[in-house]
Amino acid sequence: MIGTGASQAAHLYPEKHYQKLWCDDHKGVLEFRLQDGARVDCLTDEYAVEFDFATKWAESIGQALYYAGMTGKRPGVVLIMERGDDDGRYLKRLQSVADQYGIQVWTTRPEE
């Protein structure tokens, strides 16, 4: 728990803030629980969506692919870009891999 608080302090909002806004807007199920106890950040009719801050772009890929495999939905990632253009390099990295593996990518920012 100590690490969680420290990492959250570096962000404008916690990840759950972005999850709720986006998932509500896309009529998804927030924190959908899989049979193995893992939780999909947002499950829509079409996508199993993982949310991560831009610096964690690589982690989001594996989670999105796993959730998609477990749910039969398409994989998706919402990249949280709190630092605007400074996070652009992470988006480029994510998109290059996402294009290869059929992962849908969206972005969100604090003002959205």
N, C-alpha and C. Protein backbone atom coordinates (compact mmCIF):
# COMPACT_ATOMS: atom_id res chain seq x y z
N MET A 1 0.80 -1.20 0.00
CA MET A 1 0.00 0.00 0.00
C MET A 1 0.84 1.27 0.00
N ILE A 2 1.99 1.22 0.60
CA ILE A 2 2.84 2.40 0.64
C ILE A 2 3.21 2.82 -0.78
N GLY A 3 3.60 1.86 -1.61
CA GLY A 3 3.97 2.17 -3.00
C GLY A 3 2.81 2.74 -3.79
N THR A 4 1.61 2.26 -3.55
CA THR A 4 0.44 2.73 -4.29
C THR A 4 0.20 4.21 -4.03
N GLY A 5 0.25 4.62 -2.79
CA GLY A 5 0.02 6.02 -2.46
C GLY A 5 1.06 6.93 -3.08
N ALA A 6 2.30 6.50 -3.05
CA ALA A 6 3.37 7.31 -3.60
C ALA A 6 3.23 7.47 -5.11
N SER A 7 2.87 6.39 -5.80
CA SER A 7 2.74 6.49 -7.25
C SER A 7 1.53 7.31 -7.65
N GLN A 8 0.46 7.24 -6.88
CA GLN A 8 -0.73 8.02 -7.19
C GLN A 8 -0.48 9.51 -7.01
N ALA A 9 0.41 9.86 -6.10
CA ALA A 9 0.69 11.27 -5.84
C ALA A 9 1.25 11.97 -7.07
N ALA A 10 1.88 11.22 -7.96
CA ALA A 10 2.48 11.80 -9.15
C ALA A 10 1.44 12.09 -10.24
N HIS A 11 0.21 11.65 -10.05
CA HIS A 11 -0.83 11.83 -11.06
C HIS A 11 -1.87 12.84 -10.61
N LEU A 12 -2.50 13.48 -11.59
CA LEU A 12 -3.54 14.45 -11.29
C LEU A 12 -4.78 13.78 -10.70
N TYR A 13 -5.12 12.61 -11.25
CA TYR A 13 -6.26 11.83 -10.79
C TYR A 13 -5.85 10.37 -10.74
N PRO A 14 -6.51 9.57 -9.90
CA PRO A 14 -6.22 8.13 -9.92
C PRO A 14 -6.77 7.49 -11.19
N GLU A 15 -6.24 6.34 -11.53
CA GLU A 15 -6.67 5.62 -12.73
C GLU A 15 -8.18 5.40 -12.74
N LYS A 16 -8.75 5.08 -11.60
CA LYS A 16 -10.19 4.80 -11.51
C LYS A 16 -11.05 5.98 -11.97
N HIS A 17 -10.55 7.19 -11.78
CA HIS A 17 -11.27 8.39 -12.23
C HIS A 17 -11.49 8.33 -13.74
N TYR A 18 -10.43 8.03 -14.46
CA TYR A 18 -10.50 7.96 -15.92
C TYR A 18 -11.33 6.75 -16.36
N GLN A 19 -11.18 5.63 -15.66
CA GLN A 19 -11.94 4.43 -15.99
C GLN A 19 -13.44 4.70 -15.93
N LYS A 20 -13.87 5.30 -14.83
CA LYS A 20 -15.30 5.53 -14.64
C LYS A 20 -15.87 6.46 -15.71
N LEU A 21 -15.20 7.57 -15.97
CA LEU A 21 -15.69 8.51 -16.97
C LEU A 21 -15.80 7.86 -18.35
N TRP A 22 -14.74 7.17 -18.76
CA TRP A 22 -14.70 6.57 -20.09
C TRP A 22 -15.69 5.42 -20.19
N CYS A 23 -15.70 4.56 -19.19
CA CYS A 23 -16.55 3.38 -19.22
C CYS A 23 -18.04 3.78 -19.21
N ASP A 24 -18.39 4.75 -18.41
CA ASP A 24 -19.78 5.24 -18.40
C ASP A 24 -20.14 5.79 -19.78
N ASP A 25 -19.23 6.54 -20.38
CA ASP A 25 -19.47 7.16 -21.68
C ASP A 25 -19.63 6.10 -22.78
N HIS A 26 -18.96 4.96 -22.62
CA HIS A 26 -19.01 3.89 -23.63
C HIS A 26 -19.94 2.75 -23.23
N LYS A 27 -20.77 3.00 -22.21
CA LYS A 27 -21.78 2.04 -21.76
C LYS A 27 -21.20 0.67 -21.45
N GLY A 28 -20.06 0.68 -20.76
CA GLY A 28 -19.39 -0.56 -20.41
C GLY A 28 -19.62 -0.94 -18.95
N VAL A 29 -19.09 -2.10 -18.60
CA VAL A 29 -19.14 -2.60 -17.23
C VAL A 29 -17.77 -2.33 -16.60
N LEU A 30 -17.77 -1.57 -15.54
CA LEU A 30 -16.54 -1.19 -14.85
C LEU A 30 -16.06 -2.35 -13.98
N GLU A 31 -14.76 -2.64 -14.02
CA GLU A 31 -14.14 -3.67 -13.18
C GLU A 31 -14.85 -5.02 -13.30
N PHE A 32 -15.04 -5.48 -14.53
CA PHE A 32 -15.68 -6.77 -14.78
C PHE A 32 -14.77 -7.89 -14.28
N ARG A 33 -15.30 -8.75 -13.42
CA ARG A 33 -14.51 -9.82 -12.81
C ARG A 33 -14.52 -11.07 -13.68
N LEU A 34 -13.32 -11.58 -13.98
CA LEU A 34 -13.17 -12.81 -14.74
C LEU A 34 -13.23 -14.01 -13.79
N GLN A 35 -13.37 -15.21 -14.35
CA GLN A 35 -13.45 -16.43 -13.54
C GLN A 35 -12.23 -16.61 -12.65
N ASP A 36 -11.07 -16.16 -13.10
CA ASP A 36 -9.85 -16.34 -12.32
C ASP A 36 -9.63 -15.23 -11.29
N GLY A 37 -10.59 -14.31 -11.20
CA GLY A 37 -10.49 -13.22 -10.23
C GLY A 37 -9.89 -11.94 -10.78
N ALA A 38 -9.27 -12.01 -11.95
CA ALA A 38 -8.73 -10.80 -12.58
C ALA A 38 -9.90 -9.88 -12.95
N ARG A 39 -9.61 -8.60 -13.06
CA ARG A 39 -10.66 -7.63 -13.37
C ARG A 39 -10.31 -6.85 -14.63
N VAL A 40 -11.25 -6.85 -15.56
CA VAL A 40 -11.13 -6.03 -16.77
C VAL A 40 -11.53 -4.62 -16.37
N ASP A 41 -10.72 -3.63 -16.70
CA ASP A 41 -11.03 -2.26 -16.30
C ASP A 41 -12.39 -1.82 -16.82
N CYS A 42 -12.68 -2.12 -18.09
CA CYS A 42 -13.98 -1.79 -18.67
C CYS A 42 -14.31 -2.81 -19.76
N LEU A 43 -15.45 -3.44 -19.64
CA LEU A 43 -15.89 -4.40 -20.65
C LEU A 43 -17.09 -3.81 -21.38
N THR A 44 -16.92 -3.59 -22.69
CA THR A 44 -18.02 -3.07 -23.50
C THR A 44 -18.58 -4.22 -24.34
N ASP A 45 -19.57 -3.94 -25.15
CA ASP A 45 -20.14 -4.97 -26.02
C ASP A 45 -19.09 -5.56 -26.96
N GLU A 46 -18.11 -4.74 -27.33
CA GLU A 46 -17.12 -5.17 -28.32
C GLU A 46 -15.70 -5.35 -27.77
N TYR A 47 -15.35 -4.61 -26.71
CA TYR A 47 -13.96 -4.57 -26.26
C TYR A 47 -13.78 -4.91 -24.78
N ALA A 48 -12.62 -5.54 -24.51
CA ALA A 48 -12.10 -5.69 -23.15
C ALA A 48 -10.98 -4.66 -23.04
N VAL A 49 -11.19 -3.65 -22.21
CA VAL A 49 -10.33 -2.47 -22.23
C VAL A 49 -9.50 -2.36 -20.96
N GLU A 50 -8.21 -2.15 -21.15
CA GLU A 50 -7.26 -1.90 -20.07
C GLU A 50 -6.90 -0.42 -20.07
N PHE A 51 -6.83 0.16 -18.89
CA PHE A 51 -6.42 1.56 -18.72
C PHE A 51 -5.04 1.59 -18.08
N ASP A 52 -4.18 2.45 -18.57
CA ASP A 52 -2.89 2.66 -17.92
C ASP A 52 -2.39 4.06 -18.22
N PHE A 53 -1.59 4.56 -17.28
CA PHE A 53 -0.90 5.82 -17.51
C PHE A 53 0.15 5.60 -18.59
N ALA A 54 0.48 6.64 -19.32
CA ALA A 54 1.33 6.53 -20.50
C ALA A 54 2.64 5.79 -20.25
N THR A 55 3.27 6.03 -19.11
CA THR A 55 4.55 5.38 -18.85
C THR A 55 4.42 3.86 -18.68
N LYS A 56 3.20 3.38 -18.48
CA LYS A 56 2.97 1.94 -18.32
C LYS A 56 2.38 1.32 -19.59
N TRP A 57 2.67 1.93 -20.73
CA TRP A 57 2.11 1.49 -22.01
C TRP A 57 2.38 0.02 -22.29
N ALA A 58 3.57 -0.46 -21.96
CA ALA A 58 3.93 -1.84 -22.29
C ALA A 58 3.09 -2.84 -21.48
N GLU A 59 2.83 -2.53 -20.22
CA GLU A 59 2.02 -3.41 -19.38
C GLU A 59 0.60 -3.54 -19.92
N SER A 60 0.09 -2.46 -20.48
CA SER A 60 -1.29 -2.46 -20.95
C SER A 60 -1.52 -3.46 -22.08
N ILE A 61 -0.49 -3.72 -22.87
CA ILE A 61 -0.62 -4.62 -24.02
C ILE A 61 -0.96 -6.04 -23.56
N GLY A 62 -0.16 -6.56 -22.65
CA GLY A 62 -0.39 -7.92 -22.17
C GLY A 62 -1.72 -8.08 -21.49
N GLN A 63 -2.08 -7.10 -20.68
CA GLN A 63 -3.36 -7.18 -19.98
C GLN A 63 -4.53 -7.14 -20.96
N ALA A 64 -4.48 -6.25 -21.93
CA ALA A 64 -5.56 -6.16 -22.91
C ALA A 64 -5.71 -7.46 -23.69
N LEU A 65 -4.59 -8.04 -24.10
CA LEU A 65 -4.66 -9.30 -24.84
C LEU A 65 -5.20 -10.43 -23.97
N TYR A 66 -4.78 -10.48 -22.72
CA TYR A 66 -5.28 -11.51 -21.81
C TYR A 66 -6.78 -11.37 -21.59
N TYR A 67 -7.23 -10.16 -21.30
CA TYR A 67 -8.65 -9.92 -21.06
C TYR A 67 -9.49 -10.26 -22.29
N ALA A 68 -8.97 -9.93 -23.46
CA ALA A 68 -9.69 -10.24 -24.69
C ALA A 68 -9.82 -11.75 -24.86
N GLY A 69 -8.74 -12.47 -24.60
CA GLY A 69 -8.78 -13.92 -24.71
C GLY A 69 -9.75 -14.56 -23.73
N MET A 70 -9.85 -14.00 -22.55
CA MET A 70 -10.72 -14.55 -21.52
C MET A 70 -12.20 -14.20 -21.74
N THR A 71 -12.47 -13.13 -22.46
CA THR A 71 -13.86 -12.68 -22.63
C THR A 71 -14.41 -12.90 -24.03
N GLY A 72 -13.54 -13.16 -24.99
CA GLY A 72 -14.00 -13.28 -26.37
C GLY A 72 -14.24 -11.94 -27.04
N LYS A 73 -13.84 -10.87 -26.37
CA LYS A 73 -13.98 -9.52 -26.93
C LYS A 73 -12.68 -9.11 -27.62
N ARG A 74 -12.71 -8.00 -28.31
CA ARG A 74 -11.50 -7.45 -28.93
C ARG A 74 -10.69 -6.71 -27.87
N PRO A 75 -9.34 -6.72 -27.98
CA PRO A 75 -8.52 -6.02 -27.00
C PRO A 75 -8.51 -4.52 -27.24
N GLY A 76 -8.51 -3.77 -26.14
CA GLY A 76 -8.44 -2.32 -26.23
C GLY A 76 -7.64 -1.74 -25.08
N VAL A 77 -7.02 -0.60 -25.34
CA VAL A 77 -6.25 0.12 -24.32
C VAL A 77 -6.64 1.58 -24.36
N VAL A 78 -6.90 2.14 -23.18
CA VAL A 78 -7.04 3.59 -23.06
C VAL A 78 -5.77 4.07 -22.37
N LEU A 79 -4.99 4.86 -23.09
CA LEU A 79 -3.75 5.40 -22.55
C LEU A 79 -4.05 6.75 -21.92
N ILE A 80 -3.73 6.87 -20.64
CA ILE A 80 -3.98 8.10 -19.90
C ILE A 80 -2.78 9.03 -20.09
N MET A 81 -3.03 10.15 -20.75
CA MET A 81 -1.95 11.08 -21.11
C MET A 81 -2.08 12.38 -20.32
N GLU A 82 -1.64 12.34 -19.08
CA GLU A 82 -1.73 13.52 -18.23
C GLU A 82 -0.70 14.59 -18.58
N ARG A 83 0.38 14.20 -19.24
CA ARG A 83 1.44 15.16 -19.56
C ARG A 83 1.38 15.61 -21.01
N GLY A 84 0.24 15.44 -21.63
CA GLY A 84 0.03 15.93 -22.99
C GLY A 84 1.04 15.42 -23.98
N ASP A 85 1.64 16.33 -24.72
CA ASP A 85 2.59 15.96 -25.77
C ASP A 85 3.81 15.23 -25.23
N ASP A 86 4.15 15.46 -23.97
CA ASP A 86 5.29 14.74 -23.38
C ASP A 86 5.04 13.24 -23.33
N ASP A 87 3.78 12.83 -23.31
CA ASP A 87 3.44 11.41 -23.30
C ASP A 87 3.32 10.84 -24.71
N GLY A 88 3.50 11.66 -25.71
CA GLY A 88 3.35 11.23 -27.10
C GLY A 88 4.27 10.08 -27.49
N ARG A 89 5.46 10.06 -26.94
CA ARG A 89 6.39 8.97 -27.29
C ARG A 89 5.87 7.62 -26.84
N TYR A 90 5.15 7.60 -25.71
CA TYR A 90 4.58 6.34 -25.22
C TYR A 90 3.41 5.90 -26.10
N LEU A 91 2.63 6.86 -26.55
CA LEU A 91 1.53 6.55 -27.45
C LEU A 91 2.07 5.95 -28.75
N LYS A 92 3.14 6.51 -29.28
CA LYS A 92 3.74 5.97 -30.52
C LYS A 92 4.21 4.54 -30.32
N ARG A 93 4.82 4.27 -29.19
CA ARG A 93 5.29 2.91 -28.90
C ARG A 93 4.11 1.95 -28.81
N LEU A 94 3.10 2.35 -28.06
CA LEU A 94 1.92 1.51 -27.91
C LEU A 94 1.26 1.26 -29.26
N GLN A 95 1.09 2.30 -30.04
CA GLN A 95 0.39 2.17 -31.32
C GLN A 95 1.14 1.25 -32.28
N SER A 96 2.48 1.28 -32.24
CA SER A 96 3.25 0.42 -33.14
C SER A 96 3.01 -1.05 -32.84
N VAL A 97 2.89 -1.40 -31.58
CA VAL A 97 2.61 -2.79 -31.20
C VAL A 97 1.13 -3.11 -31.41
N ALA A 98 0.28 -2.17 -31.06
CA ALA A 98 -1.17 -2.37 -31.21
C ALA A 98 -1.54 -2.66 -32.66
N ASP A 99 -0.90 -1.99 -33.58
CA ASP A 99 -1.17 -2.22 -35.00
C ASP A 99 -0.84 -3.66 -35.40
N GLN A 100 0.18 -4.22 -34.81
CA GLN A 100 0.59 -5.59 -35.13
C GLN A 100 -0.36 -6.64 -34.56
N TYR A 101 -0.98 -6.33 -33.42
CA TYR A 101 -1.78 -7.32 -32.70
C TYR A 101 -3.27 -7.02 -32.66
N GLY A 102 -3.70 -6.04 -33.41
CA GLY A 102 -5.13 -5.74 -33.48
C GLY A 102 -5.72 -5.16 -32.22
N ILE A 103 -4.94 -4.38 -31.50
CA ILE A 103 -5.42 -3.74 -30.27
C ILE A 103 -5.92 -2.34 -30.61
N GLN A 104 -7.15 -2.05 -30.22
CA GLN A 104 -7.71 -0.71 -30.41
C GLN A 104 -7.13 0.21 -29.34
N VAL A 105 -6.70 1.38 -29.73
CA VAL A 105 -6.11 2.33 -28.78
C VAL A 105 -6.93 3.62 -28.75
N TRP A 106 -7.23 4.07 -27.54
CA TRP A 106 -7.84 5.37 -27.31
C TRP A 106 -6.93 6.12 -26.34
N THR A 107 -7.09 7.42 -26.29
CA THR A 107 -6.38 8.21 -25.29
C THR A 107 -7.39 9.02 -24.49
N THR A 108 -6.98 9.38 -23.30
CA THR A 108 -7.77 10.29 -22.49
C THR A 108 -6.81 11.22 -21.76
N ARG A 109 -7.31 12.40 -21.45
CA ARG A 109 -6.52 13.43 -20.77
C ARG A 109 -7.36 14.00 -19.64
N PRO A 110 -6.74 14.66 -18.70
CA PRO A 110 -7.49 15.21 -17.55
C PRO A 110 -8.66 16.11 -17.95
N GLU A 111 -8.51 16.87 -19.02
CA GLU A 111 -9.56 17.81 -19.40
C GLU A 111 -10.70 17.16 -20.17
N GLU A 112 -10.59 15.88 -20.49
CA GLU A 112 -11.64 15.21 -21.27
C GLU A 112 -12.69 14.60 -20.37
